[in-house]
Amino acid sequence: MLKRLKEKSNDEKIRNTMKKRISFIFGGL
């Protein structure tokens, strides 16, 4: 249970990083 929760938060971190990167790239265009 704890392991799954950790993986989920890790996925959210990665997703947030991707969103930031995408918005940064589009903001730089």
C-alpha atoms as a PDB file:
ATOM      1  CA  MET A   1       0.000   0.000   0.000  1.00  0.00           C
ATOM      2  CA  LEU A   2       2.730   2.442   1.025  1.00  0.00           C
ATOM      3  CA  LYS A   3       4.818   1.404  -1.967  1.00  0.00           C
ATOM      4  CA  ARG A   4       1.941   2.133  -4.345  1.00  0.00           C
ATOM      5  CA  LEU A   5       1.346   5.518  -2.696  1.00  0.00           C
ATOM      6  CA  LYS A   6       5.045   6.325  -3.130  1.00  0.00           C
ATOM      7  CA  GLU A   7       4.927   5.335  -6.805  1.00  0.00           C
ATOM      8  CA  LYS A   8       1.833   7.473  -7.330  1.00  0.00           C
ATOM      9  CA  SER A   9       3.462  10.557  -5.803  1.00  0.00           C
ATOM     10  CA  ASN A  10       6.547   9.856  -7.927  1.00  0.00           C
ATOM     11  CA  ASP A  11       4.358   9.702 -11.052  1.00  0.00           C
ATOM     12  CA  GLU A  12       2.764  13.022 -10.093  1.00  0.00           C
ATOM     13  CA  LYS A  13       6.223  14.555  -9.628  1.00  0.00           C
ATOM     14  CA  ILE A  14       7.272  13.361 -13.090  1.00  0.00           C
ATOM     15  CA  ARG A  15       4.001  14.588 -14.591  1.00  0.00           C
ATOM     16  CA  ASN A  16       4.439  18.022 -12.987  1.00  0.00           C
ATOM     17  CA  THR A  17       8.002  18.203 -14.301  1.00  0.00           C
ATOM     18  CA  MET A  18       6.800  17.298 -17.795  1.00  0.00           C
ATOM     19  CA  LYS A  19       4.055  19.941 -17.609  1.00  0.00           C
ATOM     20  CA  LYS A  20       6.579  22.568 -16.510  1.00  0.00           C
ATOM     21  CA  ARG A  21       8.951  21.553 -19.296  1.00  0.00           C
ATOM     22  CA  ILE A  22       6.192  21.634 -21.932  1.00  0.00           C
ATOM     23  CA  SER A  23       4.875  25.020 -20.771  1.00  0.00           C
ATOM     24  CA  PHE A  24       8.479  26.296 -20.695  1.00  0.00           C
ATOM     25  CA  ILE A  25       9.077  25.099 -24.261  1.00  0.00           C
ATOM     26  CA  PHE A  26       5.796  26.587 -25.511  1.00  0.00           C
ATOM     27  CA  GLY A  27       6.485  29.786 -23.559  1.00  0.00           C
ATOM     28  CA  GLY A  28       9.861  30.058 -25.316  1.00  0.00           C
ATOM     29  CA  LEU A  29       8.337  29.800 -28.797  1.00  0.00           C
END
